[in-house]
Structures are given as structure tokens and as C-alpha cells.
């Protein structure tokens, strides 16, 4: 019996082929589980909260447009001032103070 075991240990198919086959088949099952986790996570992310879902729904879209129009209707769109932001090499606090002093 021990002689047969030693012969199997020296056999190249048993020594290299079976571990390779186990790796391929086991890897296939492992990848299937990991990809299933990925798709389950995507399903969870795709679920929308009710407020956002109402915004996406076409039937309720006209009511939302009316709400947005009411918000924007009272805004003063002509009385704005363009303010330049600081460059990366400039000090932002000095730039803000200079912009405030120009406005007054």
C-alpha cells in the first residue's frame, strides 16, 4: 500500500495536475462569490430614497418644475458681481479682504 502512495507522489499528473485543477475550479467558485457581492452592492446603491425617486419620476416632474420656478422667480439675476478667486500662489485671506474693500 505504501508503495502505491509513493508511486502516486512521484506521478507528475498527481503532483502538478490535480493541484492546478483544484486551483482553477476553486478559483471559479471563489470569483463567483466575489462578483455576486459586487452586484449585490450595486443593487443597494441603485435604490433611491423617496424624495429623489419623486424627482426622477416623469409624472411628478411637472410639479417639481413648478416648485423650482417659484424658488427662482424671486431671485435678482441682474444684480450680481463677478469675484475672482485666489490663485494657488496667492494668500486667500488677503485676496478676500481686497475683494471686500473694492466692493465698498
PDB file of N, CA and C in Angstrom:
ATOM      1  N   UNK A   1       0.823  -1.189   0.000  1.00  0.00           N
ATOM      2  CA  UNK A   1       0.000   0.000   0.000  1.00  0.00           C
ATOM      3  C   UNK A   1       0.869   1.255   0.000  1.00  0.00           C
ATOM      4  N   UNK A   2       1.922   1.256   0.813  1.00  0.00           N
ATOM      5  CA  UNK A   2       2.800   2.435   0.851  1.00  0.00           C
ATOM      6  C   UNK A   2       3.549   2.609  -0.459  1.00  0.00           C
ATOM      7  N   UNK A   3       3.792   1.527  -1.136  1.00  0.00           N
ATOM      8  CA  UNK A   3       4.448   1.621  -2.443  1.00  0.00           C
ATOM      9  C   UNK A   3       3.559   2.340  -3.446  1.00  0.00           C
ATOM     10  N   UNK A   4       2.253   2.082  -3.395  1.00  0.00           N
ATOM     11  CA  UNK A   4       1.326   2.754  -4.315  1.00  0.00           C
ATOM     12  C   UNK A   4       1.269   4.250  -4.017  1.00  0.00           C
ATOM     13  N   UNK A   5       1.323   4.607  -2.737  1.00  0.00           N
ATOM     14  CA  UNK A   5       1.294   6.026  -2.352  1.00  0.00           C
ATOM     15  C   UNK A   5       2.554   6.710  -2.861  1.00  0.00           C
ATOM     16  N   UNK A   6       3.697   6.064  -2.712  1.00  0.00           N
ATOM     17  CA  UNK A   6       4.945   6.648  -3.204  1.00  0.00           C
ATOM     18  C   UNK A   6       4.934   6.806  -4.725  1.00  0.00           C
ATOM     19  N   UNK A   7       4.358   5.835  -5.419  1.00  0.00           N
ATOM     20  CA  UNK A   7       4.250   5.942  -6.875  1.00  0.00           C
ATOM     21  C   UNK A   7       3.361   7.119  -7.263  1.00  0.00           C
ATOM     22  N   UNK A   8       2.260   7.310  -6.524  1.00  0.00           N
ATOM     23  CA  UNK A   8       1.373   8.434  -6.809  1.00  0.00           C
ATOM     24  C   UNK A   8       2.068   9.766  -6.531  1.00  0.00           C
ATOM     25  N   UNK A   9       2.895   9.810  -5.485  1.00  0.00           N
ATOM     26  CA  UNK A   9       3.609  11.051  -5.166  1.00  0.00           C
ATOM     27  C   UNK A   9       4.612  11.398  -6.263  1.00  0.00           C
ATOM     28  N   UNK A  10       5.168  10.417  -6.926  1.00  0.00           N
ATOM     29  CA  UNK A  10       6.138  10.674  -7.987  1.00  0.00           C
ATOM     30  C   UNK A  10       5.463  10.959  -9.329  1.00  0.00           C
ATOM     31  N   UNK A  11       4.208  10.615  -9.455  1.00  0.00           N
ATOM     32  CA  UNK A  11       3.482  10.826 -10.699  1.00  0.00           C
ATOM     33  C   UNK A  11       3.296  12.329 -10.929  1.00  0.00           C
ATOM     34  N   UNK A  12       3.654  12.823 -12.119  1.00  0.00           N
ATOM     35  CA  UNK A  12       3.571  14.259 -12.424  1.00  0.00           C
ATOM     36  C   UNK A  12       2.128  14.751 -12.466  1.00  0.00           C
ATOM     37  N   UNK A  13       1.210  13.909 -12.923  1.00  0.00           N
ATOM     38  CA  UNK A  13      -0.196  14.315 -13.000  1.00  0.00           C
ATOM     39  C   UNK A  13      -0.743  14.571 -11.605  1.00  0.00           C
ATOM     40  N   UNK A  14      -0.419  13.689 -10.678  1.00  0.00           N
ATOM     41  CA  UNK A  14      -0.904  13.860  -9.304  1.00  0.00           C
ATOM     42  C   UNK A  14      -0.186  15.028  -8.639  1.00  0.00           C
ATOM     43  N   UNK A  15       1.096  15.168  -8.922  1.00  0.00           N
ATOM     44  CA  UNK A  15       1.904  16.192  -8.249  1.00  0.00           C
ATOM     45  C   UNK A  15       1.570  17.601  -8.744  1.00  0.00           C
ATOM     46  N   UNK A  16       1.331  17.776 -10.031  1.00  0.00           N
ATOM     47  CA  UNK A  16       1.104  19.109 -10.595  1.00  0.00           C
ATOM     48  C   UNK A  16      -0.309  19.303 -11.160  1.00  0.00           C
ATOM     49  N   UNK A  17      -0.885  18.274 -11.729  1.00  0.00           N
ATOM     50  CA  UNK A  17      -2.163  18.416 -12.412  1.00  0.00           C
ATOM     51  C   UNK A  17      -3.340  18.593 -11.482  1.00  0.00           C
ATOM     52  N   UNK A  18      -3.425  17.770 -10.455  1.00  0.00           N
ATOM     53  CA  UNK A  18      -4.563  17.845  -9.531  1.00  0.00           C
ATOM     54  C   UNK A  18      -4.567  19.178  -8.765  1.00  0.00           C
ATOM     55  N   UNK A  19      -3.429  19.652  -8.226  1.00  0.00           N
ATOM     56  CA  UNK A  19      -3.474  20.978  -7.577  1.00  0.00           C
ATOM     57  C   UNK A  19      -3.877  22.096  -8.540  1.00  0.00           C
ATOM     58  N   UNK A  20      -3.425  22.007  -9.786  1.00  0.00           N
ATOM     59  CA  UNK A  20      -3.800  23.020 -10.773  1.00  0.00           C
ATOM     60  C   UNK A  20      -5.302  22.965 -11.054  1.00  0.00           C
ATOM     61  N   UNK A  21      -5.827  21.778 -11.195  1.00  0.00           N
ATOM     62  CA  UNK A  21      -7.255  21.607 -11.429  1.00  0.00           C
ATOM     63  C   UNK A  21      -8.067  22.132 -10.240  1.00  0.00           C
ATOM     64  N   UNK A  22      -7.613  21.836  -9.030  1.00  0.00           N
ATOM     65  CA  UNK A  22      -8.292  22.348  -7.837  1.00  0.00           C
ATOM     66  C   UNK A  22      -8.236  23.872  -7.778  1.00  0.00           C
ATOM     67  N   UNK A  23      -7.125  24.442  -8.172  1.00  0.00           N
ATOM     68  CA  UNK A  23      -6.991  25.895  -8.168  1.00  0.00           C
ATOM     69  C   UNK A  23      -7.947  26.541  -9.170  1.00  0.00           C
ATOM     70  N   UNK A  24      -8.046  25.971 -10.359  1.00  0.00           N
ATOM     71  CA  UNK A  24      -8.922  26.543 -11.385  1.00  0.00           C
ATOM     72  C   UNK A  24     -10.389  26.425 -10.971  1.00  0.00           C
ATOM     73  N   UNK A  25     -10.788  25.250 -10.522  1.00  0.00           N
ATOM     74  CA  UNK A  25     -12.189  25.038 -10.146  1.00  0.00           C
ATOM     75  C   UNK A  25     -12.527  25.831  -8.889  1.00  0.00           C
ATOM     76  N   UNK A  26     -11.650  25.798  -7.908  1.00  0.00           N
ATOM     77  CA  UNK A  26     -11.883  26.567  -6.675  1.00  0.00           C
ATOM     78  C   UNK A  26     -11.888  28.061  -6.936  1.00  0.00           C
ATOM     79  N   UNK A  27     -10.999  28.510  -7.805  1.00  0.00           N
ATOM     80  CA  UNK A  27     -10.970  29.931  -8.158  1.00  0.00           C
ATOM     81  C   UNK A  27     -12.240  30.373  -8.842  1.00  0.00           C
ATOM     82  N   UNK A  28     -12.801  29.500  -9.654  1.00  0.00           N
ATOM     83  CA  UNK A  28     -14.053  29.820 -10.325  1.00  0.00           C
ATOM     84  C   UNK A  28     -15.167  30.042  -9.308  1.00  0.00           C
ATOM     85  N   UNK A  29     -15.269  29.162  -8.339  1.00  0.00           N
ATOM     86  CA  UNK A  29     -16.294  29.329  -7.307  1.00  0.00           C
ATOM     87  C   UNK A  29     -16.032  30.561  -6.454  1.00  0.00           C
ATOM     88  N   UNK A  30     -14.770  30.813  -6.135  1.00  0.00           N
ATOM     89  CA  UNK A  30     -14.432  32.000  -5.341  1.00  0.00           C
ATOM     90  C   UNK A  30     -14.758  33.285  -6.071  1.00  0.00           C
ATOM     91  N   UNK A  31     -14.416  33.351  -7.354  1.00  0.00           N
ATOM     92  CA  UNK A  31     -14.730  34.545  -8.132  1.00  0.00           C
ATOM     93  C   UNK A  31     -16.229  34.758  -8.264  1.00  0.00           C
ATOM     94  N   UNK A  32     -16.970  33.664  -8.368  1.00  0.00           N
ATOM     95  CA  UNK A  32     -18.419  33.798  -8.452  1.00  0.00           C
ATOM     96  C   UNK A  32     -18.974  34.451  -7.192  1.00  0.00           C
ATOM     97  N   UNK A  33     -18.463  34.061  -6.040  1.00  0.00           N
ATOM     98  CA  UNK A  33     -18.935  34.650  -4.782  1.00  0.00           C
ATOM     99  C   UNK A  33     -18.569  36.133  -4.700  1.00  0.00           C
ATOM    100  N   UNK A  34     -17.349  36.476  -5.076  1.00  0.00           N
ATOM    101  CA  UNK A  34     -16.930  37.875  -5.003  1.00  0.00           C
ATOM    102  C   UNK A  34     -17.694  38.756  -5.989  1.00  0.00           C
ATOM    103  N   UNK A  35     -17.956  38.246  -7.177  1.00  0.00           N
ATOM    104  CA  UNK A  35     -18.720  39.049  -8.127  1.00  0.00           C
ATOM    105  C   UNK A  35     -20.168  39.189  -7.687  1.00  0.00           C
ATOM    106  N   UNK A  36     -20.699  38.183  -7.020  1.00  0.00           N
ATOM    107  CA  UNK A  36     -22.057  38.292  -6.509  1.00  0.00           C
ATOM    108  C   UNK A  36     -22.141  39.386  -5.443  1.00  0.00           C
ATOM    109  N   UNK A  37     -21.137  39.481  -4.603  1.00  0.00           N
ATOM    110  CA  UNK A  37     -21.082  40.556  -3.602  1.00  0.00           C
ATOM    111  C   UNK A  37     -21.055  41.906  -4.309  1.00  0.00           C
ATOM    112  N   UNK A  38     -20.306  42.006  -5.373  1.00  0.00           N
ATOM    113  CA  UNK A  38     -20.214  43.258  -6.128  1.00  0.00           C
ATOM    114  C   UNK A  38     -21.574  43.667  -6.686  1.00  0.00           C
ATOM    115  N   UNK A  39     -22.279  42.725  -7.292  1.00  0.00           N
ATOM    116  CA  UNK A  39     -23.569  43.051  -7.884  1.00  0.00           C
ATOM    117  C   UNK A  39     -24.619  43.345  -6.812  1.00  0.00           C
ATOM    118  N   UNK A  40     -24.543  42.665  -5.680  1.00  0.00           N
ATOM    119  CA  UNK A  40     -25.466  42.972  -4.588  1.00  0.00           C
ATOM    120  C   UNK A  40     -25.236  44.384  -4.070  1.00  0.00           C
ATOM    121  N   UNK A  41     -23.984  44.794  -3.969  1.00  0.00           N
ATOM    122  CA  UNK A  41     -23.677  46.161  -3.517  1.00  0.00           C
ATOM    123  C   UNK A  41     -24.193  47.184  -4.517  1.00  0.00           C
ATOM    124  N   UNK A  42     -24.101  46.894  -5.811  1.00  0.00           N
ATOM    125  CA  UNK A  42     -24.622  47.818  -6.815  1.00  0.00           C
ATOM    126  C   UNK A  42     -26.134  47.937  -6.731  1.00  0.00           C
ATOM    127  N   UNK A  43     -26.823  46.843  -6.421  1.00  0.00           N
ATOM    128  CA  UNK A  43     -28.272  46.897  -6.275  1.00  0.00           C
ATOM    129  C   UNK A  43     -28.659  47.797  -5.108  1.00  0.00           C
ATOM    130  N   UNK A  44     -27.918  47.695  -4.027  1.00  0.00           N
ATOM    131  CA  UNK A  44     -28.216  48.513  -2.851  1.00  0.00           C
ATOM    132  C   UNK A  44     -27.997  49.987  -3.174  1.00  0.00           C
ATOM    133  N   UNK A  45     -26.952  50.296  -3.914  1.00  0.00           N
ATOM    134  CA  UNK A  45     -26.675  51.693  -4.271  1.00  0.00           C
ATOM    135  C   UNK A  45     -27.729  52.253  -5.215  1.00  0.00           C
ATOM    136  N   UNK A  46     -28.316  51.401  -6.048  1.00  0.00           N
ATOM    137  CA  UNK A  46     -29.293  51.870  -7.028  1.00  0.00           C
ATOM    138  C   UNK A  46     -30.645  52.198  -6.406  1.00  0.00           C
ATOM    139  N   UNK A  47     -30.903  51.691  -5.215  1.00  0.00           N
ATOM    140  CA  UNK A  47     -32.169  52.002  -4.566  1.00  0.00           C
ATOM    141  C   UNK A  47     -32.182  53.476  -4.206  1.00  0.00           C
ATOM    142  N   UNK A  48     -33.214  54.180  -4.638  1.00  0.00           N
ATOM    143  CA  UNK A  48     -33.305  55.612  -4.424  1.00  0.00           C
ATOM    144  C   UNK A  48     -34.189  55.905  -3.224  1.00  0.00           C
ATOM    145  N   UNK A  49     -33.870  56.978  -2.517  1.00  0.00           N
ATOM    146  CA  UNK A  49     -34.756  57.401  -1.452  1.00  0.00           C
ATOM    147  C   UNK A  49     -36.003  58.036  -2.079  1.00  0.00           C
ATOM    148  N   UNK A  50     -37.114  58.063  -1.371  1.00  0.00           N
ATOM    149  CA  UNK A  50     -38.382  58.514  -1.974  1.00  0.00           C
ATOM    150  C   UNK A  50     -38.333  59.941  -2.520  1.00  0.00           C
ATOM    151  N   UNK A  51     -37.614  60.849  -1.864  1.00  0.00           N
ATOM    152  CA  UNK A  51     -37.560  62.225  -2.354  1.00  0.00           C
ATOM    153  C   UNK A  51     -36.851  62.290  -3.709  1.00  0.00           C
ATOM    154  N   UNK A  52     -35.780  61.567  -3.842  1.00  0.00           N
ATOM    155  CA  UNK A  52     -35.044  61.558  -5.102  1.00  0.00           C
ATOM    156  C   UNK A  52     -35.817  60.799  -6.172  1.00  0.00           C
ATOM    157  N   UNK A  53     -36.507  59.750  -5.779  1.00  0.00           N
ATOM    158  CA  UNK A  53     -37.281  58.985  -6.743  1.00  0.00           C
ATOM    159  C   UNK A  53     -38.419  59.833  -7.311  1.00  0.00           C
ATOM    160  N   UNK A  54     -39.002  60.707  -6.489  1.00  0.00           N
ATOM    161  CA  UNK A  54     -40.058  61.595  -6.978  1.00  0.00           C
ATOM    162  C   UNK A  54     -39.495  62.560  -8.017  1.00  0.00           C
ATOM    163  N   UNK A  55     -38.251  62.991  -7.839  1.00  0.00           N
ATOM    164  CA  UNK A  55     -37.636  63.893  -8.808  1.00  0.00           C
ATOM    165  C   UNK A  55     -37.361  63.191 -10.133  1.00  0.00           C
ATOM    166  N   UNK A  56     -37.110  61.905 -10.082  1.00  0.00           N
ATOM    167  CA  UNK A  56     -36.799  61.147 -11.292  1.00  0.00           C
ATOM    168  C   UNK A  56     -38.070  60.731 -12.030  1.00  0.00           C
ATOM    169  N   UNK A  57     -39.143  60.530 -11.304  1.00  0.00           N
ATOM    170  CA  UNK A  57     -40.394  60.062 -11.897  1.00  0.00           C
ATOM    171  C   UNK A  57     -40.961  61.129 -12.842  1.00  0.00           C
ATOM    172  N   UNK A  58     -41.274  60.762 -14.071  1.00  0.00           N
ATOM    173  CA  UNK A  58     -41.748  61.708 -15.088  1.00  0.00           C
ATOM    174  C   UNK A  58     -43.119  62.284 -14.755  1.00  0.00           C
ATOM    175  N   UNK A  59     -43.989  61.532 -14.119  1.00  0.00           N
ATOM    176  CA  UNK A  59     -45.328  62.013 -13.813  1.00  0.00           C
ATOM    177  C   UNK A  59     -45.297  63.157 -12.816  1.00  0.00           C
ATOM    178  N   UNK A  60     -44.374  63.100 -11.872  1.00  0.00           N
ATOM    179  CA  UNK A  60     -44.281  64.140 -10.853  1.00  0.00           C
ATOM    180  C   UNK A  60     -43.334  65.263 -11.266  1.00  0.00           C
ATOM    181  N   UNK A  61     -42.718  65.126 -12.429  1.00  0.00           N
ATOM    182  CA  UNK A  61     -41.707  66.083 -12.880  1.00  0.00           C
ATOM    183  C   UNK A  61     -42.280  67.483 -13.063  1.00  0.00           C
ATOM    184  N   UNK A  62     -43.488  67.618 -13.578  1.00  0.00           N
ATOM    185  CA  UNK A  62     -44.052  68.950 -13.819  1.00  0.00           C
ATOM    186  C   UNK A  62     -44.296  69.685 -12.513  1.00  0.00           C
ATOM    187  N   UNK A  63     -44.709  68.980 -11.464  1.00  0.00           N
ATOM    188  CA  UNK A  63     -44.920  69.621 -10.164  1.00  0.00           C
ATOM    189  C   UNK A  63     -43.594  70.114  -9.597  1.00  0.00           C
ATOM    190  N   UNK A  64     -42.552  69.358  -9.798  1.00  0.00           N
ATOM    191  CA  UNK A  64     -41.233  69.754  -9.294  1.00  0.00           C
ATOM    192  C   UNK A  64     -40.729  70.966 -10.061  1.00  0.00           C
ATOM    193  N   UNK A  65     -40.980  71.006 -11.359  1.00  0.00           N
ATOM    194  CA  UNK A  65     -40.569  72.169 -12.150  1.00  0.00           C
ATOM    195  C   UNK A  65     -41.270  73.425 -11.670  1.00  0.00           C
ATOM    196  N   UNK A  66     -42.526  73.323 -11.303  1.00  0.00           N
ATOM    197  CA  UNK A  66     -43.254  74.472 -10.780  1.00  0.00           C
ATOM    198  C   UNK A  66     -42.655  74.950  -9.462  1.00  0.00           C
ATOM    199  N   UNK A  67     -42.261  74.006  -8.596  1.00  0.00           N
ATOM    200  CA  UNK A  67     -41.628  74.368  -7.321  1.00  0.00           C
ATOM    201  C   UNK A  67     -40.316  75.100  -7.564  1.00  0.00           C
ATOM    202  N   UNK A  68     -39.527  74.591  -8.489  1.00  0.00           N
ATOM    203  CA  UNK A  68     -38.240  75.221  -8.789  1.00  0.00           C
ATOM    204  C   UNK A  68     -38.444  76.604  -9.398  1.00  0.00           C
ATOM    205  N   UNK A  69     -39.459  76.751 -10.234  1.00  0.00           N
ATOM    206  CA  UNK A  69     -39.745  78.059 -10.826  1.00  0.00           C
ATOM    207  C   UNK A  69     -40.114  79.062  -9.740  1.00  0.00           C
ATOM    208  N   UNK A  70     -40.897  78.640  -8.759  1.00  0.00           N
ATOM    209  CA  UNK A  70     -41.280  79.533  -7.664  1.00  0.00           C
ATOM    210  C   UNK A  70     -40.062  79.981  -6.872  1.00  0.00           C
ATOM    211  N   UNK A  71     -39.086  79.087  -6.704  1.00  0.00           N
ATOM    212  CA  UNK A  71     -37.860  79.438  -5.975  1.00  0.00           C
ATOM    213  C   UNK A  71     -37.033  80.456  -6.752  1.00  0.00           C
ATOM    214  N   UNK A  72     -36.910  80.279  -8.056  1.00  0.00           N
ATOM    215  CA  UNK A  72     -36.039  81.107  -8.879  1.00  0.00           C
ATOM    216  C   UNK A  72     -36.707  82.425  -9.267  1.00  0.00           C
ATOM    217  N   UNK A  73     -38.012  82.470  -9.247  1.00  0.00           N
ATOM    218  CA  UNK A  73     -38.757  83.635  -9.716  1.00  0.00           C
ATOM    219  C   UNK A  73     -38.378  84.911  -8.947  1.00  0.00           C
ATOM    220  N   UNK A  74     -38.146  84.810  -7.659  1.00  0.00           N
ATOM    221  CA  UNK A  74     -37.893  85.990  -6.841  1.00  0.00           C
ATOM    222  C   UNK A  74     -36.418  86.371  -6.775  1.00  0.00           C
ATOM    223  N   UNK A  75     -35.538  85.612  -7.358  1.00  0.00           N
ATOM    224  CA  UNK A  75     -34.108  85.925  -7.306  1.00  0.00           C
ATOM    225  C   UNK A  75     -33.772  87.111  -8.209  1.00  0.00           C
ATOM    226  N   UNK A  76     -32.813  87.918  -7.758  1.00  0.00           N
ATOM    227  CA  UNK A  76     -32.340  89.049  -8.556  1.00  0.00           C
ATOM    228  C   UNK A  76     -31.153  88.568  -9.386  1.00  0.00           C
ATOM    229  N   UNK A  77     -31.396  88.296 -10.658  1.00  0.00           N
ATOM    230  CA  UNK A  77     -30.349  87.737 -11.510  1.00  0.00           C
ATOM    231  C   UNK A  77     -29.483  88.811 -12.165  1.00  0.00           C
ATOM    232  N   UNK A  78     -29.907  90.087 -12.130  1.00  0.00           N
ATOM    233  CA  UNK A  78     -29.129  91.142 -12.772  1.00  0.00           C
ATOM    234  C   UNK A  78     -28.180  91.839 -11.808  1.00  0.00           C
ATOM    235  N   UNK A  79     -28.350  91.689 -10.534  1.00  0.00           N
ATOM    236  CA  UNK A  79     -27.526  92.405  -9.564  1.00  0.00           C
ATOM    237  C   UNK A  79     -26.430  91.551  -8.970  1.00  0.00           C
ATOM    238  N   UNK A  80     -25.631  90.929  -9.791  1.00  0.00           N
ATOM    239  CA  UNK A  80     -24.556  90.100  -9.276  1.00  0.00           C
ATOM    240  C   UNK A  80     -23.214  90.714  -9.628  1.00  0.00           C
ATOM    241  N   UNK A  81     -22.179  90.267  -8.944  1.00  0.00           N
ATOM    242  CA  UNK A  81     -20.839  90.794  -9.145  1.00  0.00           C
ATOM    243  C   UNK A  81     -19.874  89.626  -9.298  1.00  0.00           C
ATOM    244  N   UNK A  82     -19.006  89.694 -10.288  1.00  0.00           N
ATOM    245  CA  UNK A  82     -18.029  88.649 -10.526  1.00  0.00           C
ATOM    246  C   UNK A  82     -16.834  88.860  -9.605  1.00  0.00           C
ATOM    247  N   UNK A  83     -16.530  87.878  -8.772  1.00  0.00           N
ATOM    248  CA  UNK A  83     -15.411  87.964  -7.839  1.00  0.00           C
ATOM    249  C   UNK A  83     -14.406  86.885  -8.204  1.00  0.00           C
ATOM    250  N   UNK A  84     -13.170  87.306  -8.446  1.00  0.00           N
ATOM    251  CA  UNK A  84     -12.113  86.365  -8.815  1.00  0.00           C
ATOM    252  C   UNK A  84     -11.597  85.648  -7.568  1.00  0.00           C
ATOM    253  N   UNK A  85     -11.439  84.348  -7.691  1.00  0.00           N
ATOM    254  CA  UNK A  85     -10.877  83.560  -6.599  1.00  0.00           C
ATOM    255  C   UNK A  85      -9.362  83.670  -6.579  1.00  0.00           C
ATOM    256  N   UNK A  86      -8.744  83.349  -5.462  1.00  0.00           N
ATOM    257  CA  UNK A  86      -7.286  83.461  -5.358  1.00  0.00           C
ATOM    258  C   UNK A  86      -6.574  82.389  -6.185  1.00  0.00           C
ATOM    259  N   UNK A  87      -5.409  82.745  -6.681  1.00  0.00           N
ATOM    260  CA  UNK A  87      -4.560  81.785  -7.382  1.00  0.00           C
ATOM    261  C   UNK A  87      -3.852  80.924  -6.335  1.00  0.00           C
ATOM    262  N   UNK A  88      -3.324  79.783  -6.746  1.00  0.00           N
ATOM    263  CA  UNK A  88      -2.658  78.902  -5.774  1.00  0.00           C
ATOM    264  C   UNK A  88      -1.482  79.571  -5.068  1.00  0.00           C
ATOM    265  N   UNK A  89      -0.804  80.493  -5.715  1.00  0.00           N
ATOM    266  CA  UNK A  89       0.356  81.125  -5.105  1.00  0.00           C
ATOM    267  C   UNK A  89      -0.015  82.368  -4.294  1.00  0.00           C
ATOM    268  N   UNK A  90      -1.259  82.787  -4.345  1.00  0.00           N
ATOM    269  CA  UNK A  90      -1.688  83.961  -3.604  1.00  0.00           C
ATOM    270  C   UNK A  90      -2.274  83.553  -2.256  1.00  0.00           C
ATOM    271  N   UNK A  91      -2.221  84.488  -1.310  1.00  0.00           N
ATOM    272  CA  UNK A  91      -2.819  84.249   0.001  1.00  0.00           C
ATOM    273  C   UNK A  91      -4.320  84.498  -0.103  1.00  0.00           C
ATOM    274  N   UNK A  92      -5.121  83.512   0.260  1.00  0.00           N
ATOM    275  CA  UNK A  92      -6.558  83.625   0.065  1.00  0.00           C
ATOM    276  C   UNK A  92      -7.175  84.683   0.978  1.00  0.00           C
ATOM    277  N   UNK A  93      -6.657  84.841   2.193  1.00  0.00           N
ATOM    278  CA  UNK A  93      -7.227  85.831   3.114  1.00  0.00           C
ATOM    279  C   UNK A  93      -6.995  87.251   2.589  1.00  0.00           C
ATOM    280  N   UNK A  94      -5.793  87.528   2.090  1.00  0.00           N
ATOM    281  CA  UNK A  94      -5.515  88.853   1.530  1.00  0.00           C
ATOM    282  C   UNK A  94      -6.415  89.124   0.323  1.00  0.00           C
ATOM    283  N   UNK A  95      -6.601  88.109  -0.504  1.00  0.00           N
ATOM    284  CA  UNK A  95      -7.425  88.256  -1.700  1.00  0.00           C
ATOM    285  C   UNK A  95      -8.879  88.549  -1.326  1.00  0.00           C
ATOM    286  N   UNK A  96      -9.385  87.871  -0.314  1.00  0.00           N
ATOM    287  CA  UNK A  96     -10.756  88.110   0.125  1.00  0.00           C
ATOM    288  C   UNK A  96     -10.914  89.524   0.681  1.00  0.00           C
ATOM    289  N   UNK A  97      -9.933  89.973   1.452  1.00  0.00           N
ATOM    290  CA  UNK A  97     -10.011  91.324   2.005  1.00  0.00           C
ATOM    291  C   UNK A  97      -9.960  92.370   0.889  1.00  0.00           C
ATOM    292  N   UNK A  98      -9.125  92.136  -0.122  1.00  0.00           N
ATOM    293  CA  UNK A  98      -9.027  93.079  -1.238  1.00  0.00           C
ATOM    294  C   UNK A  98     -10.362  93.121  -1.985  1.00  0.00           C
ATOM    295  N   UNK A  99     -11.002  91.995  -2.190  1.00  0.00           N
ATOM    296  CA  UNK A  99     -12.287  91.976  -2.889  1.00  0.00           C
ATOM    297  C   UNK A  99     -13.362  92.686  -2.080  1.00  0.00           C
ATOM    298  N   UNK A 100     -13.346  92.509  -0.756  1.00  0.00           N
ATOM    299  CA  UNK A 100     -14.324  93.176   0.090  1.00  0.00           C
ATOM    300  C   UNK A 100     -14.107  94.691   0.098  1.00  0.00           C
ATOM    301  N   UNK A 101     -12.849  95.109   0.110  1.00  0.00           N
ATOM    302  CA  UNK A 101     -12.550  96.540   0.113  1.00  0.00           C
ATOM    303  C   UNK A 101     -12.922  97.198  -1.212  1.00  0.00           C
ATOM    304  N   UNK A 102     -12.782  96.474  -2.328  1.00  0.00           N
ATOM    305  CA  UNK A 102     -13.175  97.013  -3.624  1.00  0.00           C
ATOM    306  C   UNK A 102     -14.681  97.244  -3.702  1.00  0.00           C
ATOM    307  N   UNK A 103     -15.447  96.329  -3.082  1.00  0.00           N
ATOM    308  CA  UNK A 103     -16.896  96.412  -3.159  1.00  0.00           C
ATOM    309  C   UNK A 103     -17.467  97.564  -2.355  1.00  0.00           C
ATOM    310  N   UNK A 104     -16.762  98.021  -1.343  1.00  0.00           N
ATOM    311  CA  UNK A 104     -17.316  99.101  -0.501  1.00  0.00           C
ATOM    312  C   UNK A 104     -16.788 100.447  -0.890  1.00  0.00           C
TER     313      UNK A 104
END
